Amino acid sequence: MNEADRRLSEDSEQRFLDLYAHLLVYVNGQFDVIEEIETVADLEQYYTDELLPLRNTLYNEETTDLIEDFIEENPADLSEADLEQVEAWTDFVAGEFVVVRYRENDAIFLDWTEPPKAYAVRPARLPFADLWDESELPVPVSSVVLLPFEDQIVCDGWIGIKNILFGGSLSADIDDEYEDAKHRFGVIDSLPAPEEDKKTDTEELRFYMKNKRNRERYASEIKQLREKNDELERIYHQEMGKARARSLGRELRELELNEAYVAIYDDRIVTSAPTESEVRELLEEIMPAGKANLPYIYHFDP
């Protein structure tokens, strides 16, 4: 099965559609959007796109008040469990997103407004793969509503696909925002969305140093953290050294060098020796006072 075909179970899908239909019928009764609809059976005679004005009315008006009134009146004589599920929809999230990934059981919808958030979403009706192939991602979408349902996040079935092609730097920016969202909130798989976790300075610095794009993007933040204390300065140099070591290993192998230990400081090789202890002794001699522990020691083993 294509990853994008992973929908709710058949029973869960039917339950969602039934509850949503009852709510839309109630909204229609309040605003008379489509005169011919008085029951769920009436609503089922319409194509999905024909019902869009009715669905939009739910989210263009006082959505929370409408849902709470529906629960209080309970015109469909729903069970307590079903009413609790509908009540959870007051935690809906609506807006524009970018679909950035398919995973085994869901798709990742990225809201890249500040702060960016990444939602794990399942379709309630049409499989996402019927809308776009994975090779087309990232895809910008509009008029999206995400709803909590049975401890998951469900797209209610209406999605506007924007005619924008992502490429080059814009795709890279989206990837950056996705990584930022995961760092700050994780991938959100239930609603309401959690509060942002407070990260330690060490966690923030390691994220900023994760790759070249991050190091360029967060240069000022990295500078501020480095200046906070000696331990953060040490972590900075260790992360820079690790990044440099990835390419350094290839370079040294091309030179057919023997096993060695190499000290890297500020992206530069400052010394090397056959053993780690020798490298550390040399660093004590050549590094400024108090900075002998800053260089990253890379073990080159061809």
Protein backbone atom coordinates (compact mmCIF):
# COMPACT_ATOMS: atom_id res chain seq x y z
CA MET A 1 0.00 0.00 0.00
CA ASN A 2 1.28 3.47 -0.84
CA GLU A 3 2.23 5.37 2.29
CA ALA A 4 -0.13 8.18 1.36
CA ASP A 5 -3.07 5.74 1.23
CA ARG A 6 -2.95 5.09 4.98
CA ARG A 7 -6.31 6.38 6.15
CA LEU A 8 -8.37 5.86 9.25
CA SER A 9 -9.81 2.42 9.79
CA GLU A 10 -13.11 1.86 8.00
CA ASP A 11 -15.11 2.11 11.24
CA SER A 12 -13.29 5.25 12.39
CA GLU A 13 -13.67 6.88 9.00
CA GLN A 14 -17.40 6.22 8.99
CA ARG A 15 -17.76 7.55 12.52
CA PHE A 16 -15.92 10.74 11.60
CA LEU A 17 -18.00 11.31 8.48
CA ASP A 18 -21.26 10.68 10.36
CA LEU A 19 -20.42 13.09 13.18
CA TYR A 20 -19.16 15.74 10.80
CA ALA A 21 -22.29 15.40 8.67
CA HIS A 22 -24.54 15.95 11.71
CA LEU A 23 -22.56 19.06 12.63
CA LEU A 24 -22.77 20.46 9.09
CA VAL A 25 -26.53 19.86 8.97
CA TYR A 26 -26.84 21.78 12.23
CA VAL A 27 -24.78 24.67 10.84
CA ASN A 28 -26.95 24.72 7.74
CA GLY A 29 -30.02 24.98 9.94
CA GLN A 30 -28.53 28.04 11.64
CA PHE A 31 -27.49 29.88 8.48
CA ASP A 32 -29.59 28.34 5.69
CA VAL A 33 -26.57 27.99 3.38
CA ILE A 34 -28.14 25.30 1.18
CA GLU A 35 -31.92 25.44 1.42
CA GLU A 36 -32.53 21.84 0.36
CA ILE A 37 -30.47 20.31 3.20
CA GLU A 38 -32.38 19.46 6.36
CA THR A 39 -31.02 16.01 7.20
CA VAL A 40 -27.87 13.96 6.83
CA ALA A 41 -29.60 12.02 4.06
CA ASP A 42 -30.12 15.30 2.19
CA LEU A 43 -26.49 16.24 2.68
CA GLU A 44 -25.30 12.91 1.28
CA GLN A 45 -26.92 13.74 -2.06
CA TYR A 46 -24.37 16.48 -2.69
CA TYR A 47 -20.83 16.25 -4.04
CA THR A 48 -18.08 17.32 -1.68
CA ASP A 49 -17.26 20.49 -3.61
CA GLU A 50 -20.93 21.52 -3.53
CA LEU A 51 -20.81 21.41 0.26
CA LEU A 52 -17.77 23.66 0.52
CA PRO A 53 -19.79 26.85 1.26
CA LEU A 54 -21.50 25.02 4.12
CA ARG A 55 -18.22 23.73 5.52
CA ASN A 56 -16.65 27.19 5.22
CA THR A 57 -19.54 28.72 7.12
CA LEU A 58 -18.64 26.55 10.09
CA TYR A 59 -15.15 28.07 10.19
CA ASN A 60 -16.03 31.60 9.10
CA GLU A 61 -18.49 32.11 11.93
CA GLU A 62 -17.99 31.66 15.69
CA THR A 63 -16.86 28.07 15.33
CA THR A 64 -16.48 27.29 19.03
CA ASP A 65 -19.91 28.72 19.84
CA LEU A 66 -21.51 26.72 17.03
CA ILE A 67 -19.95 23.47 18.23
CA GLU A 68 -20.88 24.15 21.85
CA ASP A 69 -24.47 24.97 20.86
CA PHE A 70 -24.64 21.77 18.82
CA ILE A 71 -23.46 19.77 21.83
CA GLU A 72 -25.92 21.45 24.18
CA GLU A 73 -28.89 20.96 21.87
CA ASN A 74 -27.74 17.53 20.60
CA PRO A 75 -30.23 17.51 17.70
CA ALA A 76 -28.87 14.18 16.42
CA ASP A 77 -29.28 12.48 19.83
CA LEU A 78 -25.63 11.49 19.91
CA SER A 79 -24.04 9.45 22.68
CA GLU A 80 -21.89 11.06 25.35
CA ALA A 81 -18.78 9.62 23.71
CA ASP A 82 -19.73 11.10 20.35
CA LEU A 83 -20.52 14.48 21.92
CA GLU A 84 -17.13 14.49 23.62
CA GLN A 85 -15.51 13.80 20.27
CA VAL A 86 -17.34 16.68 18.60
CA GLU A 87 -16.46 18.96 21.51
CA ALA A 88 -12.77 18.21 20.86
CA TRP A 89 -13.17 19.86 17.47
CA THR A 90 -13.07 23.26 19.17
CA ASP A 91 -9.29 22.66 19.10
CA PHE A 92 -9.27 22.71 15.29
CA VAL A 93 -6.40 24.26 13.33
CA ALA A 94 -7.22 26.00 10.04
CA GLY A 95 -5.12 27.76 7.45
CA GLU A 96 -2.46 27.25 4.81
CA PHE A 97 0.15 24.51 5.00
CA VAL A 98 2.87 22.83 2.99
CA VAL A 99 2.71 19.05 2.69
CA VAL A 100 6.36 18.15 3.09
CA ARG A 101 6.57 14.39 3.75
CA TYR A 102 4.71 11.12 3.57
CA ARG A 103 5.37 8.77 6.45
CA GLU A 104 4.23 5.20 7.01
CA ASN A 105 0.83 6.14 8.45
CA ASP A 106 0.35 9.84 7.75
CA ALA A 107 1.52 12.96 5.95
CA ILE A 108 3.35 15.91 7.46
CA PHE A 109 1.58 19.24 7.08
CA LEU A 110 3.90 22.15 7.86
CA ASP A 111 2.58 25.47 9.12
CA TRP A 112 5.62 27.66 8.57
CA THR A 113 4.30 30.80 10.18
CA GLU A 114 6.25 31.75 13.29
CA PRO A 115 6.68 29.57 15.23
CA PRO A 116 6.62 26.76 12.62
CA LYS A 117 4.71 23.60 13.51
CA ALA A 118 4.64 20.20 11.79
CA TYR A 119 1.46 18.12 12.06
CA ALA A 120 1.08 14.39 11.41
CA VAL A 121 -2.20 14.17 9.48
CA ARG A 122 -4.42 11.38 8.21
CA PRO A 123 -7.06 11.82 5.51
CA ALA A 124 -10.66 11.13 6.43
CA ARG A 125 -11.89 10.79 2.88
CA LEU A 126 -9.72 10.89 -0.23
CA PRO A 127 -6.20 9.42 0.15
CA PHE A 128 -3.52 12.07 -0.21
CA ALA A 129 -1.92 9.99 -2.98
CA ASP A 130 -5.02 10.63 -5.08
CA LEU A 131 -4.24 14.34 -4.94
CA TRP A 132 -0.50 14.36 -5.55
CA ASP A 133 2.34 11.91 -5.94
CA GLU A 134 5.13 11.80 -3.38
CA SER A 135 7.56 12.99 -6.06
CA GLU A 136 5.60 16.26 -6.25
CA LEU A 137 6.21 17.18 -2.61
CA PRO A 138 6.47 19.75 -1.13
CA VAL A 139 2.98 20.91 -2.09
CA PRO A 140 1.36 24.13 -0.79
CA VAL A 141 -2.29 23.76 0.26
CA SER A 142 -4.93 26.19 1.45
CA SER A 143 -8.34 26.16 3.11
CA VAL A 144 -7.23 23.22 5.25
CA VAL A 145 -8.87 22.28 8.54
CA LEU A 146 -7.19 19.85 10.91
CA LEU A 147 -9.31 18.20 13.59
CA PRO A 148 -8.51 15.98 16.56
CA PHE A 149 -10.13 12.59 16.18
CA GLU A 150 -9.58 9.45 18.26
CA ASP A 151 -6.14 10.62 19.45
CA GLN A 152 -5.05 11.47 15.90
CA ILE A 153 -5.20 14.48 13.59
CA VAL A 154 -7.54 14.27 10.63
CA CYS A 155 -7.95 16.51 7.60
CA ASP A 156 -11.66 17.06 7.10
CA GLY A 157 -11.55 16.35 3.36
CA TRP A 158 -11.48 19.77 1.72
CA ILE A 159 -8.07 20.88 0.47
CA GLY A 160 -7.25 23.75 -1.85
CA ILE A 161 -4.12 23.06 -3.90
CA LYS A 162 -2.17 26.21 -4.70
CA ASN A 163 -0.46 26.47 -8.09
CA ILE A 164 3.01 27.21 -6.78
CA LEU A 165 6.13 25.28 -7.70
CA PHE A 166 8.79 24.98 -5.03
CA GLY A 167 12.37 24.69 -6.07
CA GLY A 168 15.88 25.72 -5.25
CA SER A 169 16.24 27.99 -2.24
CA LEU A 170 12.52 27.94 -1.42
CA SER A 171 12.52 24.16 -1.03
CA ALA A 172 15.59 24.48 1.17
CA ASP A 173 13.81 27.09 3.28
CA ILE A 174 10.89 24.71 3.74
CA ASP A 175 13.26 21.96 4.85
CA ASP A 176 14.81 24.40 7.33
CA GLU A 177 11.41 25.33 8.74
CA TYR A 178 10.48 21.65 9.05
CA GLU A 179 13.65 20.93 11.00
CA ASP A 180 13.00 23.98 13.18
CA ALA A 181 9.44 22.83 13.85
CA LYS A 182 10.61 19.36 14.88
CA HIS A 183 13.23 20.88 17.14
CA ARG A 184 10.77 23.18 18.88
CA PHE A 185 7.63 21.04 19.13
CA GLY A 186 8.42 17.62 17.72
CA VAL A 187 5.98 16.29 15.11
CA ILE A 188 2.56 17.14 16.53
CA ASP A 189 0.23 14.11 16.38
CA SER A 190 -2.66 15.29 18.56
CA LEU A 191 -4.59 18.50 19.20
CA PRO A 192 -4.45 20.89 20.91
CA ALA A 193 -0.82 21.38 19.95
CA PRO A 194 1.62 21.23 22.86
CA GLU A 195 3.43 24.25 24.20
CA GLU A 196 6.95 24.70 22.94
CA ASP A 197 9.45 22.76 25.02
CA LYS A 198 12.00 24.95 26.71
CA LYS A 199 15.36 23.90 25.35
CA THR A 200 18.61 24.16 27.27
CA ASP A 201 21.39 26.29 25.84
CA THR A 202 23.26 23.09 25.02
CA GLU A 203 20.30 21.65 23.08
CA GLU A 204 19.85 24.91 21.20
CA LEU A 205 23.52 25.13 20.29
CA ARG A 206 23.70 21.53 19.07
CA PHE A 207 20.64 22.16 16.86
CA TYR A 208 22.13 25.36 15.44
CA MET A 209 25.37 23.49 14.71
CA LYS A 210 23.62 20.48 13.16
CA ASN A 211 24.55 21.24 9.55
CA LYS A 212 26.01 23.94 7.36
CA ARG A 213 22.66 25.55 6.57
CA ASN A 214 21.82 25.79 10.26
CA ARG A 215 25.24 27.22 11.07
CA GLU A 216 24.74 29.93 8.46
CA ARG A 217 21.11 30.58 9.34
CA TYR A 218 21.69 30.83 13.09
CA ALA A 219 25.11 32.50 13.02
CA SER A 220 24.10 35.31 15.39
CA GLU A 221 22.42 32.89 17.83
CA ILE A 222 25.52 30.69 17.81
CA LYS A 223 27.72 33.70 18.55
CA GLN A 224 25.55 34.72 21.51
CA LEU A 225 25.55 31.22 22.98
CA ARG A 226 29.32 30.81 22.60
CA GLU A 227 29.84 33.94 24.64
CA LYS A 228 27.72 32.69 27.53
CA ASN A 229 30.23 30.32 29.14
CA ASP A 230 33.28 28.13 28.56
CA GLU A 231 31.28 24.90 28.24
CA LEU A 232 29.18 26.27 25.36
CA GLU A 233 32.37 27.48 23.70
CA ARG A 234 33.78 23.95 24.03
CA ILE A 235 30.61 22.41 22.55
CA TYR A 236 30.80 24.84 19.63
CA HIS A 237 34.34 23.74 18.78
CA GLN A 238 33.48 20.06 19.22
CA GLU A 239 30.55 20.35 16.79
CA MET A 240 32.61 22.35 14.30
CA GLY A 241 35.34 19.73 14.51
CA LYS A 242 32.91 16.88 13.89
CA ALA A 243 31.58 18.67 10.82
CA ARG A 244 35.09 19.21 9.47
CA ALA A 245 36.10 15.61 10.22
CA ARG A 246 33.50 14.25 7.79
CA SER A 247 35.33 15.70 4.80
CA LEU A 248 38.78 15.50 6.38
CA GLY A 249 38.63 11.71 6.52
CA ARG A 250 38.18 11.53 2.74
CA GLU A 251 41.05 13.95 2.17
CA LEU A 252 43.46 12.02 4.38
CA ARG A 253 42.55 8.70 2.76
CA GLU A 254 43.31 10.18 -0.65
CA LEU A 255 46.79 11.01 0.68
CA GLU A 256 47.18 7.38 1.80
CA LEU A 257 48.21 8.44 5.30
CA ASN A 258 48.55 6.04 8.19
CA GLU A 259 46.42 6.03 11.34
CA ALA A 260 46.66 9.30 13.25
CA TYR A 261 44.90 11.66 15.66
CA VAL A 262 44.15 15.12 14.33
CA ALA A 263 43.18 18.19 16.39
CA ILE A 264 40.70 20.53 14.68
CA TYR A 265 40.14 24.05 15.99
CA ASP A 266 37.89 26.62 14.31
CA ASP A 267 37.69 24.45 11.19
CA ARG A 268 41.49 24.22 10.96
CA ILE A 269 43.94 21.41 11.66
CA VAL A 270 46.23 22.68 14.42
CA THR A 271 48.25 19.55 15.16
CA SER A 272 48.40 15.80 14.73
CA ALA A 273 50.27 12.80 16.10
CA PRO A 274 50.21 8.98 16.05
CA THR A 275 48.43 8.82 19.47
CA GLU A 276 45.74 10.81 21.25
CA SER A 277 47.92 11.39 24.30
CA GLU A 278 50.61 12.96 22.12
CA VAL A 279 48.05 15.26 20.51
CA ARG A 280 46.81 16.39 23.92
CA GLU A 281 50.34 17.11 25.08
CA LEU A 282 50.96 19.20 21.97
CA LEU A 283 47.71 21.12 22.50
CA GLU A 284 48.81 22.05 26.03
CA GLU A 285 51.92 23.57 24.47
CA ILE A 286 50.44 25.40 21.48
CA MET A 287 46.95 26.49 22.53
CA PRO A 288 46.27 29.74 24.41
CA ALA A 289 45.94 29.38 28.19
CA GLY A 290 42.75 27.59 29.20
CA LYS A 291 41.85 26.51 25.67
CA ALA A 292 43.67 23.21 25.28
CA ASN A 293 40.39 21.30 25.74
CA LEU A 294 38.57 23.15 22.94
CA PRO A 295 39.88 21.43 19.78
CA TYR A 296 38.05 18.36 18.52
CA ILE A 297 40.35 15.35 18.29
CA TYR A 298 39.57 13.26 15.24
CA HIS A 299 40.76 9.67 15.09
CA PHE A 300 41.74 8.97 11.49
CA ASP A 301 41.72 5.22 10.92
CA PRO A 302 42.02 4.37 7.21
